[in-house]
C-alpha atoms as a PDB file:
ATOM      1  CA  MET A   1      69.761 212.807 338.783  1.00  0.00           C
ATOM      2  CA  LEU A   2      68.764 215.941 337.361  1.00  0.00           C
ATOM      3  CA  VAL A   3      70.371 219.372 337.737  1.00  0.00           C
ATOM      4  CA  ASP A   4      69.164 222.544 336.811  1.00  0.00           C
ATOM      5  CA  ARG A   5      68.423 226.451 337.400  1.00  0.00           C
ATOM      6  CA  VAL A   6      64.971 225.845 337.680  1.00  0.00           C
ATOM      7  CA  PRO A   7      63.100 225.313 340.813  1.00  0.00           C
ATOM      8  CA  ASP A   8      60.366 222.919 339.034  1.00  0.00           C
ATOM      9  CA  VAL A   9      63.213 220.437 338.602  1.00  0.00           C
ATOM     10  CA  ALA A  10      62.100 218.501 341.429  1.00  0.00           C
ATOM     11  CA  GLU A  11      58.552 218.165 339.221  1.00  0.00           C
ATOM     12  CA  ARG A  12      60.130 217.295 336.303  1.00  0.00           C
ATOM     13  CA  ALA A  13      62.310 214.190 338.174  1.00  0.00           C
ATOM     14  CA  LYS A  14      58.902 213.285 339.043  1.00  0.00           C
ATOM     15  CA  GLU A  15      57.209 212.441 335.301  1.00  0.00           C
ATOM     16  CA  PHE A  16      60.441 209.998 335.663  1.00  0.00           C
ATOM     17  CA  THR A  17      59.901 208.464 338.717  1.00  0.00           C
ATOM     18  CA  ALA A  18      55.897 207.905 337.470  1.00  0.00           C
ATOM     19  CA  GLN A  19      57.086 206.291 334.619  1.00  0.00           C
ATOM     20  CA  GLY A  20      59.378 203.353 337.508  1.00  0.00           C
ATOM     21  CA  ALA A  21      62.333 205.060 337.198  1.00  0.00           C
ATOM     22  CA  LYS A  22      63.747 206.273 340.386  1.00  0.00           C
ATOM     23  CA  ALA A  23      65.071 210.105 340.280  1.00  0.00           C
ATOM     24  CA  ARG A  24      65.945 212.719 341.920  1.00  0.00           C
ATOM     25  CA  GLY A  25      65.842 216.519 341.169  1.00  0.00           C
ATOM     26  CA  PHE A  26      68.532 219.265 342.676  1.00  0.00           C
ATOM     27  CA  THR A  27      68.216 222.785 341.873  1.00  0.00           C
ATOM     28  CA  GLY A  28      71.641 224.600 341.603  1.00  0.00           C
ATOM     29  CA  ASP A  29      73.881 226.548 339.603  1.00  0.00           C
ATOM     30  CA  LEU A  30      76.177 224.619 337.669  1.00  0.00           C
ATOM     31  CA  THR A  31      78.792 227.790 336.554  1.00  0.00           C
ATOM     32  CA  LYS A  32      79.020 227.652 341.045  1.00  0.00           C
ATOM     33  CA  PRO A  33      81.608 224.701 342.068  1.00  0.00           C
ATOM     34  CA  ASP A  34      80.003 224.371 345.499  1.00  0.00           C
ATOM     35  CA  ASP A  35      76.870 223.125 343.661  1.00  0.00           C
ATOM     36  CA  ALA A  36      78.012 221.179 341.116  1.00  0.00           C
ATOM     37  CA  ARG A  37      80.256 219.663 344.507  1.00  0.00           C
ATOM     38  CA  ALA A  38      76.646 219.481 345.704  1.00  0.00           C
ATOM     39  CA  ALA A  39      74.386 217.901 343.306  1.00  0.00           C
ATOM     40  CA  VAL A  40      77.619 214.754 342.891  1.00  0.00           C
ATOM     41  CA  ALA A  41      77.113 214.396 347.055  1.00  0.00           C
ATOM     42  CA  LEU A  42      72.883 214.388 346.895  1.00  0.00           C
ATOM     43  CA  ALA A  43      73.506 211.739 343.949  1.00  0.00           C
ATOM     44  CA  GLN A  44      75.807 209.731 345.712  1.00  0.00           C
ATOM     45  CA  LYS A  45      73.711 209.729 348.680  1.00  0.00           C
ATOM     46  CA  GLU A  46      70.569 208.928 346.853  1.00  0.00           C
ATOM     47  CA  PHE A  47      71.861 206.230 344.827  1.00  0.00           C
ATOM     48  CA  GLY A  48      75.144 204.651 346.305  1.00  0.00           C
ATOM     49  CA  ARG A  49      77.002 205.560 342.866  1.00  0.00           C
ATOM     50  CA  LEU A  50      77.719 207.730 340.345  1.00  0.00           C
ATOM     51  CA  ASP A  51      78.467 205.665 337.001  1.00  0.00           C
ATOM     52  CA  VAL A  52      77.495 208.637 333.976  1.00  0.00           C
ATOM     53  CA  VAL A  53      77.786 212.031 334.096  1.00  0.00           C
ATOM     54  CA  ILE A  54      75.903 214.071 330.957  1.00  0.00           C
ATOM     55  CA  ASN A  55      76.762 217.755 330.279  1.00  0.00           C
ATOM     56  CA  VAL A  56      74.115 218.878 328.266  1.00  0.00           C
ATOM     57  CA  ALA A  57      73.921 222.639 330.004  1.00  0.00           C
ATOM     58  CA  GLY A  58      74.756 225.247 327.610  1.00  0.00           C
ATOM     59  CA  GLY A  59      72.884 226.673 324.254  1.00  0.00           C
ATOM     60  CA  LEU A  60      73.066 229.419 322.007  1.00  0.00           C
ATOM     61  CA  LEU A  61      72.983 233.334 323.016  1.00  0.00           C
ATOM     62  CA  HIS A  62      74.261 235.185 320.461  1.00  0.00           C
ATOM     63  CA  VAL A  63      73.706 235.765 316.504  1.00  0.00           C
ATOM     64  CA  GLY A  64      75.198 238.770 315.359  1.00  0.00           C
ATOM     65  CA  PRO A  65      78.519 240.428 313.727  1.00  0.00           C
ATOM     66  CA  ALA A  66      82.215 238.755 315.867  1.00  0.00           C
ATOM     67  CA  ALA A  67      83.390 242.047 316.043  1.00  0.00           C
ATOM     68  CA  ALA A  68      79.876 243.459 318.200  1.00  0.00           C
ATOM     69  CA  ILE A  69      79.637 240.708 320.456  1.00  0.00           C
ATOM     70  CA  PRO A  70      79.280 242.417 323.986  1.00  0.00           C
ATOM     71  CA  VAL A  71      81.879 240.964 326.784  1.00  0.00           C
ATOM     72  CA  GLU A  72      79.634 240.222 328.914  1.00  0.00           C
ATOM     73  CA  MET A  73      77.057 238.085 326.860  1.00  0.00           C
ATOM     74  CA  LEU A  74      80.742 236.499 325.721  1.00  0.00           C
ATOM     75  CA  ASP A  75      81.441 235.611 329.350  1.00  0.00           C
ATOM     76  CA  ARG A  76      77.750 234.165 329.491  1.00  0.00           C
ATOM     77  CA  GLU A  77      78.016 232.387 325.993  1.00  0.00           C
ATOM     78  CA  PHE A  78      81.505 230.495 328.172  1.00  0.00           C
ATOM     79  CA  ALA A  79      79.934 230.204 331.507  1.00  0.00           C
ATOM     80  CA  ILE A  80      77.353 228.249 330.717  1.00  0.00           C
ATOM     81  CA  ASN A  81      78.913 226.276 328.086  1.00  0.00           C
ATOM     82  CA  VAL A  82      82.357 225.212 329.298  1.00  0.00           C
ATOM     83  CA  LYS A  83      82.279 226.099 332.497  1.00  0.00           C
ATOM     84  CA  THR A  84      79.313 223.507 333.335  1.00  0.00           C
ATOM     85  CA  THR A  85      80.416 221.486 331.790  1.00  0.00           C
ATOM     86  CA  PHE A  86      83.796 221.777 333.422  1.00  0.00           C
ATOM     87  CA  LEU A  87      82.907 222.148 336.783  1.00  0.00           C
ATOM     88  CA  MET A  88      80.403 219.765 336.782  1.00  0.00           C
ATOM     89  CA  SER A  89      83.231 217.062 334.946  1.00  0.00           C
ATOM     90  CA  GLN A  90      85.653 218.473 338.093  1.00  0.00           C
ATOM     91  CA  ALA A  91      82.996 217.716 341.015  1.00  0.00           C
ATOM     92  CA  ALA A  92      82.537 214.338 339.488  1.00  0.00           C
ATOM     93  CA  ILE A  93      85.614 212.607 338.946  1.00  0.00           C
ATOM     94  CA  PRO A  94      86.478 211.191 342.403  1.00  0.00           C
ATOM     95  CA  ALA A  95      82.771 209.946 343.046  1.00  0.00           C
ATOM     96  CA  LEU A  96      83.647 208.109 338.764  1.00  0.00           C
ATOM     97  CA  ALA A  97      87.160 206.805 339.647  1.00  0.00           C
ATOM     98  CA  ARG A  98      85.990 204.206 342.493  1.00  0.00           C
ATOM     99  CA  GLN A  99      84.581 202.347 339.917  1.00  0.00           C
ATOM    100  CA  GLY A 100      84.784 204.008 336.270  1.00  0.00           C
ATOM    101  CA  GLY A 101      82.383 205.476 334.669  1.00  0.00           C
ATOM    102  CA  ALA A 102      81.304 207.529 331.382  1.00  0.00           C
ATOM    103  CA  ILE A 103      81.179 211.256 330.743  1.00  0.00           C
ATOM    104  CA  VAL A 104      79.104 212.704 327.784  1.00  0.00           C
ATOM    105  CA  ASN A 105      79.159 216.181 327.496  1.00  0.00           C
ATOM    106  CA  PHE A 106      77.162 218.589 324.429  1.00  0.00           C
ATOM    107  CA  ALA A 107      79.209 220.323 322.060  1.00  0.00           C
ATOM    108  CA  SER A 108      78.072 221.150 318.347  1.00  0.00           C
ATOM    109  CA  ILE A 109      77.620 220.307 314.605  1.00  0.00           C
ATOM    110  CA  ALA A 110      78.540 224.074 314.826  1.00  0.00           C
ATOM    111  CA  VAL A 111      82.234 223.106 315.771  1.00  0.00           C
ATOM    112  CA  LEU A 112      82.730 220.582 312.582  1.00  0.00           C
ATOM    113  CA  GLU A 113      80.451 223.201 310.622  1.00  0.00           C
ATOM    114  CA  PRO A 114      81.167 226.462 311.695  1.00  0.00           C
ATOM    115  CA  GLN A 115      78.701 229.555 311.006  1.00  0.00           C
ATOM    116  CA  ALA A 116      79.307 232.957 310.260  1.00  0.00           C
ATOM    117  CA  GLN A 117      76.969 235.447 313.104  1.00  0.00           C
ATOM    118  CA  MET A 118      77.939 232.592 315.582  1.00  0.00           C
ATOM    119  CA  ALA A 119      81.498 232.817 316.464  1.00  0.00           C
ATOM    120  CA  SER A 120      81.616 232.578 320.438  1.00  0.00           C
ATOM    121  CA  TYR A 121      78.800 229.754 320.143  1.00  0.00           C
ATOM    122  CA  VAL A 122      81.164 227.953 317.804  1.00  0.00           C
ATOM    123  CA  ALA A 123      83.878 228.936 320.051  1.00  0.00           C
ATOM    124  CA  ALA A 124      82.533 227.708 322.906  1.00  0.00           C
ATOM    125  CA  LYS A 125      81.469 224.345 322.192  1.00  0.00           C
ATOM    126  CA  ALA A 126      84.641 224.350 320.293  1.00  0.00           C
ATOM    127  CA  ALA A 127      86.329 224.063 323.745  1.00  0.00           C
ATOM    128  CA  VAL A 128      83.742 221.728 324.870  1.00  0.00           C
ATOM    129  CA  ALA A 129      85.276 219.482 322.166  1.00  0.00           C
ATOM    130  CA  GLY A 130      88.804 220.157 322.849  1.00  0.00           C
ATOM    131  CA  TYR A 131      87.624 219.973 327.022  1.00  0.00           C
ATOM    132  CA  THR A 132      86.420 216.385 326.158  1.00  0.00           C
ATOM    133  CA  ARG A 133      89.487 214.934 324.279  1.00  0.00           C
ATOM    134  CA  ALA A 134      92.283 216.000 326.727  1.00  0.00           C
ATOM    135  CA  LEU A 135      90.120 215.027 329.841  1.00  0.00           C
ATOM    136  CA  ALA A 136      89.594 211.971 328.111  1.00  0.00           C
ATOM    137  CA  LEU A 137      93.774 210.847 327.736  1.00  0.00           C
ATOM    138  CA  GLU A 138      93.853 212.182 331.607  1.00  0.00           C
ATOM    139  CA  LEU A 139      91.169 210.267 332.892  1.00  0.00           C
ATOM    140  CA  ALA A 140      91.907 207.079 330.447  1.00  0.00           C
ATOM    141  CA  PRO A 141      93.810 204.887 333.868  1.00  0.00           C
ATOM    142  CA  GLN A 142      90.928 205.791 336.040  1.00  0.00           C
ATOM    143  CA  LYS A 143      89.015 203.717 333.295  1.00  0.00           C
ATOM    144  CA  ILE A 144      86.926 206.590 332.693  1.00  0.00           C
ATOM    145  CA  ARG A 145      85.407 207.800 329.879  1.00  0.00           C
ATOM    146  CA  VAL A 146      85.182 210.513 328.105  1.00  0.00           C
ATOM    147  CA  ASN A 147      83.204 211.619 324.575  1.00  0.00           C
ATOM    148  CA  ALA A 148      80.595 214.385 323.291  1.00  0.00           C
ATOM    149  CA  VAL A 149      77.858 214.631 320.760  1.00  0.00           C
ATOM    150  CA  ALA A 150      77.959 216.888 318.222  1.00  0.00           C
ATOM    151  CA  PRO A 151      74.065 217.382 317.187  1.00  0.00           C
ATOM    152  CA  ALA A 152      72.461 219.473 315.111  1.00  0.00           C
ATOM    153  CA  ALA A 153      69.342 221.645 315.906  1.00  0.00           C
ATOM    154  CA  ALA A 154      67.417 219.129 317.953  1.00  0.00           C
ATOM    155  CA  ARG A 155      63.246 218.782 317.558  1.00  0.00           C
ATOM    156  CA  THR A 156      62.426 220.764 320.934  1.00  0.00           C
ATOM    157  CA  ALA A 157      59.570 222.761 321.345  1.00  0.00           C
ATOM    158  CA  ASP A 158      61.106 225.902 321.281  1.00  0.00           C
ATOM    159  CA  ASN A 159      63.244 225.006 318.129  1.00  0.00           C
ATOM    160  CA  VAL A 160      59.839 224.166 316.314  1.00  0.00           C
ATOM    161  CA  LYS A 161      58.481 226.802 317.442  1.00  0.00           C
ATOM    162  CA  SER A 162      61.472 229.599 316.248  1.00  0.00           C
ATOM    163  CA  MET A 163      62.474 227.406 313.032  1.00  0.00           C
ATOM    164  CA  GLY A 164      59.261 225.896 312.233  1.00  0.00           C
ATOM    165  CA  ASP A 165      59.427 222.101 311.520  1.00  0.00           C
ATOM    166  CA  LEU A 166      62.034 221.210 309.587  1.00  0.00           C
ATOM    167  CA  PRO A 167      62.653 218.125 308.727  1.00  0.00           C
ATOM    168  CA  GLU A 168      66.570 218.946 308.960  1.00  0.00           C
ATOM    169  CA  LEU A 169      66.031 218.826 313.201  1.00  0.00           C
ATOM    170  CA  VAL A 170      67.412 216.194 314.822  1.00  0.00           C
ATOM    171  CA  PRO A 171      64.551 213.656 316.361  1.00  0.00           C
ATOM    172  CA  LEU A 172      65.375 213.958 320.305  1.00  0.00           C
ATOM    173  CA  ASP A 173      64.801 210.142 320.678  1.00  0.00           C
ATOM    174  CA  ALA A 174      67.886 209.780 318.156  1.00  0.00           C
ATOM    175  CA  LEU A 175      69.429 212.308 320.229  1.00  0.00           C
ATOM    176  CA  VAL A 176      68.940 210.731 323.472  1.00  0.00           C
ATOM    177  CA  ALA A 177      69.859 206.768 321.642  1.00  0.00           C
ATOM    178  CA  ALA A 178      73.541 208.569 321.229  1.00  0.00           C
ATOM    179  CA  VAL A 179      74.137 209.984 324.538  1.00  0.00           C
ATOM    180  CA  LEU A 180      72.557 206.628 325.776  1.00  0.00           C
ATOM    181  CA  TYR A 181      75.200 204.858 323.453  1.00  0.00           C
ATOM    182  CA  LEU A 182      78.238 206.666 324.410  1.00  0.00           C
ATOM    183  CA  ALA A 183      77.361 206.047 328.224  1.00  0.00           C
ATOM    184  CA  SER A 184      76.494 202.422 328.002  1.00  0.00           C
ATOM    185  CA  ASP A 185      79.242 199.325 327.920  1.00  0.00           C
ATOM    186  CA  ASP A 186      78.375 199.048 324.228  1.00  0.00           C
ATOM    187  CA  ALA A 187      80.822 202.041 324.100  1.00  0.00           C
ATOM    188  CA  ARG A 188      83.503 200.683 326.071  1.00  0.00           C
ATOM    189  CA  ALA A 189      86.159 201.332 323.579  1.00  0.00           C
ATOM    190  CA  VAL A 190      84.884 204.515 322.787  1.00  0.00           C
ATOM    191  CA  THR A 191      86.917 207.377 324.551  1.00  0.00           C
ATOM    192  CA  GLY A 192      87.612 211.241 323.604  1.00  0.00           C
ATOM    193  CA  GLU A 193      85.600 211.411 320.711  1.00  0.00           C
ATOM    194  CA  VAL A 194      83.016 213.694 319.436  1.00  0.00           C
ATOM    195  CA  LEU A 195      80.265 212.262 317.706  1.00  0.00           C
ATOM    196  CA  PRO A 196      77.798 214.537 315.171  1.00  0.00           C
ATOM    197  CA  VAL A 197      73.895 214.269 315.072  1.00  0.00           C
ATOM    198  CA  THR A 198      72.741 215.391 312.332  1.00  0.00           C
ATOM    199  CA  GLY A 199      69.751 212.554 310.804  1.00  0.00           C
ATOM    200  CA  ARG A 200      71.242 214.778 307.541  1.00  0.00           C
ATOM    201  CA  GLY A 201      69.492 212.419 304.531  1.00  0.00           C
ATOM    202  CA  ILE A 202      68.073 210.163 306.469  1.00  0.00           C
END
């Protein structure tokens, strides 16, 4: 199940279907509780159960002095990074609790290695990391594991265009592998962790 605000998410889901996977797209705004609940309900209807939630929504919106961050930008930074993660997890907990499962959130290496001029983003991703650890403790009795990845900048088309094809950009397949590990039974004894994915020196 792919959830995004953009209307072509259904077409993107078809790319997975063409590769033999069963996939469904849902257009919604995950800063809205009703949309988060609707996405979970559709996933259960389509697939019969919900085992894993990967909260990847988010992004860096503001670069500049902390003293000059507009409050509207601060609200937006927290909405797309923290609120989406909180509401999607909240909506999914009852479904995951039926058999146990996993939640994987996206923090950032900026939480562990903060940079100047990125205060609102660092604060938002630090909130995601803290939420991950707190939720892991809360949901452990229900056999729901909660972890996060803390990636450096990934080798996406947008990052290559804006930053150049730097060798330190994290290959997407390596980031995906880290997420899949945390979502899998191989990580059944791992919860409440924030896993750096930097590719540093490799």
